[in-house]
C-alpha atoms as a PDB file:
ATOM      1  CA  UNK A   1       1.075 -11.798 -25.823  1.00  0.00           C
ATOM      2  CA  UNK A   2       0.567 -13.227 -22.313  1.00  0.00           C
ATOM      3  CA  UNK A   3       0.889 -11.139 -19.577  1.00  0.00           C
ATOM      4  CA  UNK A   4       3.611 -12.102 -16.823  1.00  0.00           C
ATOM      5  CA  UNK A   5       2.670 -13.241 -13.400  1.00  0.00           C
ATOM      6  CA  UNK A   6       3.819 -10.242 -11.661  1.00  0.00           C
ATOM      7  CA  UNK A   7       2.211  -7.463 -13.715  1.00  0.00           C
ATOM      8  CA  UNK A   8      -0.952  -9.888 -13.597  1.00  0.00           C
ATOM      9  CA  UNK A   9      -0.662  -9.509  -9.870  1.00  0.00           C
ATOM     10  CA  UNK A  10      -0.076  -5.940 -10.003  1.00  0.00           C
ATOM     11  CA  UNK A  11      -2.903  -5.307 -12.326  1.00  0.00           C
ATOM     12  CA  UNK A  12      -5.234  -6.820 -10.001  1.00  0.00           C
ATOM     13  CA  UNK A  13      -3.965  -4.673  -6.905  1.00  0.00           C
ATOM     14  CA  UNK A  14      -4.561  -1.807  -9.488  1.00  0.00           C
ATOM     15  CA  UNK A  15      -8.088  -2.802  -9.682  1.00  0.00           C
ATOM     16  CA  UNK A  16      -8.328  -3.193  -5.976  1.00  0.00           C
ATOM     17  CA  UNK A  17      -6.821   0.949  -5.699  1.00  0.00           C
ATOM     18  CA  UNK A  18      -9.961   1.915  -7.852  1.00  0.00           C
ATOM     19  CA  UNK A  19     -12.133   1.250  -4.627  1.00  0.00           C
ATOM     20  CA  UNK A  20      -9.933   3.886  -2.786  1.00  0.00           C
ATOM     21  CA  UNK A  21     -11.534   6.683  -1.135  1.00  0.00           C
ATOM     22  CA  UNK A  22      -8.498   9.106  -0.705  1.00  0.00           C
ATOM     23  CA  UNK A  23      -8.471  12.282  -2.230  1.00  0.00           C
ATOM     24  CA  UNK A  24      -4.614  12.472  -2.511  1.00  0.00           C
ATOM     25  CA  UNK A  25      -3.118   9.291  -3.657  1.00  0.00           C
ATOM     26  CA  UNK A  26      -4.915   5.950  -3.817  1.00  0.00           C
ATOM     27  CA  UNK A  27      -3.273   2.240  -3.335  1.00  0.00           C
ATOM     28  CA  UNK A  28      -4.460  -1.155  -3.726  1.00  0.00           C
ATOM     29  CA  UNK A  29      -2.714  -4.199  -2.175  1.00  0.00           C
ATOM     30  CA  UNK A  30      -3.005  -7.868  -2.699  1.00  0.00           C
ATOM     31  CA  UNK A  31      -1.223 -10.662  -0.840  1.00  0.00           C
ATOM     32  CA  UNK A  32      -0.134 -13.629  -2.693  1.00  0.00           C
ATOM     33  CA  UNK A  33       1.178 -16.977  -1.470  1.00  0.00           C
ATOM     34  CA  UNK A  34       1.775 -19.748  -3.426  1.00  0.00           C
ATOM     35  CA  UNK A  35      -0.007 -18.471  -6.543  1.00  0.00           C
ATOM     36  CA  UNK A  36      -3.022 -18.166  -4.567  1.00  0.00           C
ATOM     37  CA  UNK A  37      -4.535 -14.713  -3.345  1.00  0.00           C
ATOM     38  CA  UNK A  38      -4.874 -14.278   0.193  1.00  0.00           C
ATOM     39  CA  UNK A  39      -6.442 -11.042   0.617  1.00  0.00           C
ATOM     40  CA  UNK A  40      -6.779  -7.669  -0.997  1.00  0.00           C
ATOM     41  CA  UNK A  41      -6.874  -4.011   0.463  1.00  0.00           C
ATOM     42  CA  UNK A  42      -7.338  -0.482  -0.636  1.00  0.00           C
ATOM     43  CA  UNK A  43      -6.986   3.084   1.061  1.00  0.00           C
ATOM     44  CA  UNK A  44     -10.304   3.962   2.860  1.00  0.00           C
ATOM     45  CA  UNK A  45     -11.939   5.078   6.000  1.00  0.00           C
ATOM     46  CA  UNK A  46     -12.802   2.903   8.667  1.00  0.00           C
ATOM     47  CA  UNK A  47     -15.847   0.726   8.301  1.00  0.00           C
ATOM     48  CA  UNK A  48     -18.841   3.030   9.123  1.00  0.00           C
ATOM     49  CA  UNK A  49     -16.971   6.180   9.134  1.00  0.00           C
ATOM     50  CA  UNK A  50     -17.384   8.596   5.976  1.00  0.00           C
ATOM     51  CA  UNK A  51     -14.800   8.542   3.346  1.00  0.00           C
ATOM     52  CA  UNK A  52     -12.631  11.743   2.196  1.00  0.00           C
ATOM     53  CA  UNK A  53     -13.880  11.482  -1.293  1.00  0.00           C
ATOM     54  CA  UNK A  54     -17.560  11.746   0.176  1.00  0.00           C
ATOM     55  CA  UNK A  55     -16.684  14.608   2.526  1.00  0.00           C
ATOM     56  CA  UNK A  56     -14.427  16.371  -0.213  1.00  0.00           C
ATOM     57  CA  UNK A  57     -12.106  17.229   2.930  1.00  0.00           C
ATOM     58  CA  UNK A  58      -8.538  15.806   3.540  1.00  0.00           C
ATOM     59  CA  UNK A  59      -6.964  17.498   6.837  1.00  0.00           C
ATOM     60  CA  UNK A  60      -3.508  16.382   5.616  1.00  0.00           C
ATOM     61  CA  UNK A  61      -3.983  18.282   2.404  1.00  0.00           C
ATOM     62  CA  UNK A  62      -5.517  21.583   3.971  1.00  0.00           C
ATOM     63  CA  UNK A  63      -2.572  21.441   6.268  1.00  0.00           C
ATOM     64  CA  UNK A  64      -0.149  20.998   3.338  1.00  0.00           C
ATOM     65  CA  UNK A  65       1.392  18.049   4.959  1.00  0.00           C
ATOM     66  CA  UNK A  66       4.081  16.235   3.058  1.00  0.00           C
ATOM     67  CA  UNK A  67       3.669  12.746   1.682  1.00  0.00           C
ATOM     68  CA  UNK A  68       4.969  10.091   4.185  1.00  0.00           C
ATOM     69  CA  UNK A  69       4.534  12.427   7.310  1.00  0.00           C
ATOM     70  CA  UNK A  70       1.670  12.854  10.145  1.00  0.00           C
ATOM     71  CA  UNK A  71      -0.501   9.727   9.155  1.00  0.00           C
ATOM     72  CA  UNK A  72      -2.103   9.998  12.532  1.00  0.00           C
ATOM     73  CA  UNK A  73      -3.948  13.011  10.639  1.00  0.00           C
ATOM     74  CA  UNK A  74      -5.272  10.855   7.943  1.00  0.00           C
ATOM     75  CA  UNK A  75      -8.825   9.316   8.355  1.00  0.00           C
ATOM     76  CA  UNK A  76      -7.908   6.199   6.044  1.00  0.00           C
ATOM     77  CA  UNK A  77      -6.513   2.712   6.845  1.00  0.00           C
ATOM     78  CA  UNK A  78      -3.752   1.928   4.261  1.00  0.00           C
ATOM     79  CA  UNK A  79      -4.188  -0.553   1.624  1.00  0.00           C
ATOM     80  CA  UNK A  80      -1.375  -2.896   2.962  1.00  0.00           C
ATOM     81  CA  UNK A  81      -2.865  -2.569   6.472  1.00  0.00           C
ATOM     82  CA  UNK A  82      -6.462  -3.626   5.292  1.00  0.00           C
ATOM     83  CA  UNK A  83      -4.714  -6.568   3.262  1.00  0.00           C
ATOM     84  CA  UNK A  84      -2.949  -7.608   6.054  1.00  0.00           C
ATOM     85  CA  UNK A  85      -6.300  -7.285   8.403  1.00  0.00           C
ATOM     86  CA  UNK A  86      -8.206  -9.310   6.262  1.00  0.00           C
ATOM     87  CA  UNK A  87      -5.895 -12.501   6.166  1.00  0.00           C
ATOM     88  CA  UNK A  88      -4.720 -14.943   8.982  1.00  0.00           C
ATOM     89  CA  UNK A  89      -0.977 -14.488   9.734  1.00  0.00           C
ATOM     90  CA  UNK A  90      -0.329 -18.236   9.000  1.00  0.00           C
ATOM     91  CA  UNK A  91      -1.304 -17.513   5.386  1.00  0.00           C
ATOM     92  CA  UNK A  92       0.869 -14.409   5.147  1.00  0.00           C
ATOM     93  CA  UNK A  93       4.279 -16.223   6.247  1.00  0.00           C
ATOM     94  CA  UNK A  94       6.663 -15.794   2.923  1.00  0.00           C
ATOM     95  CA  UNK A  95       3.953 -14.454   0.873  1.00  0.00           C
ATOM     96  CA  UNK A  96       4.155 -11.666  -1.383  1.00  0.00           C
ATOM     97  CA  UNK A  97       2.454  -8.088  -0.979  1.00  0.00           C
ATOM     98  CA  UNK A  98       1.696  -6.273  -4.689  1.00  0.00           C
ATOM     99  CA  UNK A  99       1.289  -2.659  -4.220  1.00  0.00           C
ATOM    100  CA  UNK A 100       0.144  -0.001  -6.774  1.00  0.00           C
ATOM    101  CA  UNK A 101      -0.432   3.817  -6.088  1.00  0.00           C
ATOM    102  CA  UNK A 102      -1.895   6.555  -8.023  1.00  0.00           C
ATOM    103  CA  UNK A 103      -2.449  10.134  -7.553  1.00  0.00           C
ATOM    104  CA  UNK A 104      -6.016  10.722  -7.408  1.00  0.00           C
ATOM    105  CA  UNK A 105      -6.058  13.937  -9.086  1.00  0.00           C
ATOM    106  CA  UNK A 106      -3.827  13.125 -12.145  1.00  0.00           C
ATOM    107  CA  UNK A 107      -4.227   9.478 -12.226  1.00  0.00           C
ATOM    108  CA  UNK A 108      -0.385   8.938 -12.511  1.00  0.00           C
ATOM    109  CA  UNK A 109       1.548   6.442 -10.749  1.00  0.00           C
ATOM    110  CA  UNK A 110       3.071   7.592  -7.388  1.00  0.00           C
ATOM    111  CA  UNK A 111       6.726   8.107  -8.094  1.00  0.00           C
ATOM    112  CA  UNK A 112       8.895   5.810  -5.857  1.00  0.00           C
ATOM    113  CA  UNK A 113       5.880   4.822  -3.825  1.00  0.00           C
ATOM    114  CA  UNK A 114       6.835   2.529  -0.787  1.00  0.00           C
ATOM    115  CA  UNK A 115       4.991   1.452   2.240  1.00  0.00           C
ATOM    116  CA  UNK A 116       4.922   3.951   5.035  1.00  0.00           C
ATOM    117  CA  UNK A 117       6.812   3.626   8.288  1.00  0.00           C
ATOM    118  CA  UNK A 118       3.847   1.805   9.958  1.00  0.00           C
ATOM    119  CA  UNK A 119       3.038  -0.664   6.984  1.00  0.00           C
ATOM    120  CA  UNK A 120       6.517  -1.609   6.901  1.00  0.00           C
ATOM    121  CA  UNK A 121       6.185  -2.466  10.784  1.00  0.00           C
ATOM    122  CA  UNK A 122       2.868  -4.333  10.005  1.00  0.00           C
ATOM    123  CA  UNK A 123       4.436  -5.964   6.900  1.00  0.00           C
ATOM    124  CA  UNK A 124       7.383  -7.333   9.031  1.00  0.00           C
ATOM    125  CA  UNK A 125       5.233  -8.941  11.660  1.00  0.00           C
ATOM    126  CA  UNK A 126       2.946 -10.435   9.190  1.00  0.00           C
ATOM    127  CA  UNK A 127       5.590 -12.690   7.843  1.00  0.00           C
ATOM    128  CA  UNK A 128       5.516 -11.219   4.393  1.00  0.00           C
ATOM    129  CA  UNK A 129       8.545 -11.877   2.767  1.00  0.00           C
ATOM    130  CA  UNK A 130       8.902  -9.438  -0.174  1.00  0.00           C
ATOM    131  CA  UNK A 131       6.890  -6.351  -1.461  1.00  0.00           C
ATOM    132  CA  UNK A 132       6.470  -5.751  -5.261  1.00  0.00           C
ATOM    133  CA  UNK A 133       5.775  -2.003  -5.997  1.00  0.00           C
ATOM    134  CA  UNK A 134       4.461  -0.794  -9.700  1.00  0.00           C
ATOM    135  CA  UNK A 135       6.470   1.934 -11.116  1.00  0.00           C
ATOM    136  CA  UNK A 136       4.601   1.966 -14.643  1.00  0.00           C
ATOM    137  CA  UNK A 137       2.335  -0.381 -16.296  1.00  0.00           C
ATOM    138  CA  UNK A 138       5.446  -2.628 -17.067  1.00  0.00           C
ATOM    139  CA  UNK A 139       8.010  -1.787 -14.568  1.00  0.00           C
ATOM    140  CA  UNK A 140       8.033  -2.633 -10.897  1.00  0.00           C
ATOM    141  CA  UNK A 141      10.550  -2.677  -7.992  1.00  0.00           C
ATOM    142  CA  UNK A 142      10.891  -5.652  -5.983  1.00  0.00           C
ATOM    143  CA  UNK A 143      11.929  -5.124  -2.048  1.00  0.00           C
ATOM    144  CA  UNK A 144      12.926  -7.802   0.260  1.00  0.00           C
ATOM    145  CA  UNK A 145      11.093  -7.497   3.647  1.00  0.00           C
ATOM    146  CA  UNK A 146      14.475  -8.064   5.113  1.00  0.00           C
ATOM    147  CA  UNK A 147      15.685  -4.879   3.892  1.00  0.00           C
ATOM    148  CA  UNK A 148      12.970  -3.007   6.264  1.00  0.00           C
ATOM    149  CA  UNK A 149      14.406  -5.172   9.133  1.00  0.00           C
ATOM    150  CA  UNK A 150      17.970  -4.463   8.349  1.00  0.00           C
ATOM    151  CA  UNK A 151      17.827  -0.605   7.069  1.00  0.00           C
ATOM    152  CA  UNK A 152      15.694   0.577  10.411  1.00  0.00           C
ATOM    153  CA  UNK A 153      15.052   4.042   9.394  1.00  0.00           C
ATOM    154  CA  UNK A 154      13.230   4.581  12.511  1.00  0.00           C
ATOM    155  CA  UNK A 155      16.740   4.665  14.202  1.00  0.00           C
ATOM    156  CA  UNK A 156      17.710   7.687  12.422  1.00  0.00           C
ATOM    157  CA  UNK A 157      14.216   9.629  12.391  1.00  0.00           C
ATOM    158  CA  UNK A 158      13.867   9.551   8.638  1.00  0.00           C
ATOM    159  CA  UNK A 159      10.431  10.716   7.413  1.00  0.00           C
ATOM    160  CA  UNK A 160       8.568   9.796   4.518  1.00  0.00           C
ATOM    161  CA  UNK A 161       9.208   6.695   2.074  1.00  0.00           C
END
């Protein structure tokens, strides 16, 4: 049976996450426009810095910081951010970002995965129109970026994702 197009692109994002270096959760992202891959990204330390998987240390883990909070303590650049950094804005306008996350220890898909507050802001400004997040090997959630604009959780002080 032929793989549907959305899961095909999610599969590619899942391959990208295998390059991730976080010892909590790894994400892979790809940006697609007009049925062409514009860019890819995965979680990892900035170029030239040591990765958490090499250091075998995570400050957020040590401090027991909950998911979705205190990203300023994280040494990594998120998958969505890396994908956006690697593309030109004109290529991202009206594109789709595909996102897959897995727990580093269990290998299970991240439950209710969503872009963090900072990634949402970057996605909005990049001109991306929708984000598709994998829930499991076959199911996914489609999020219209307009929802990030209309439902601005930063006005409510809501943390996490």
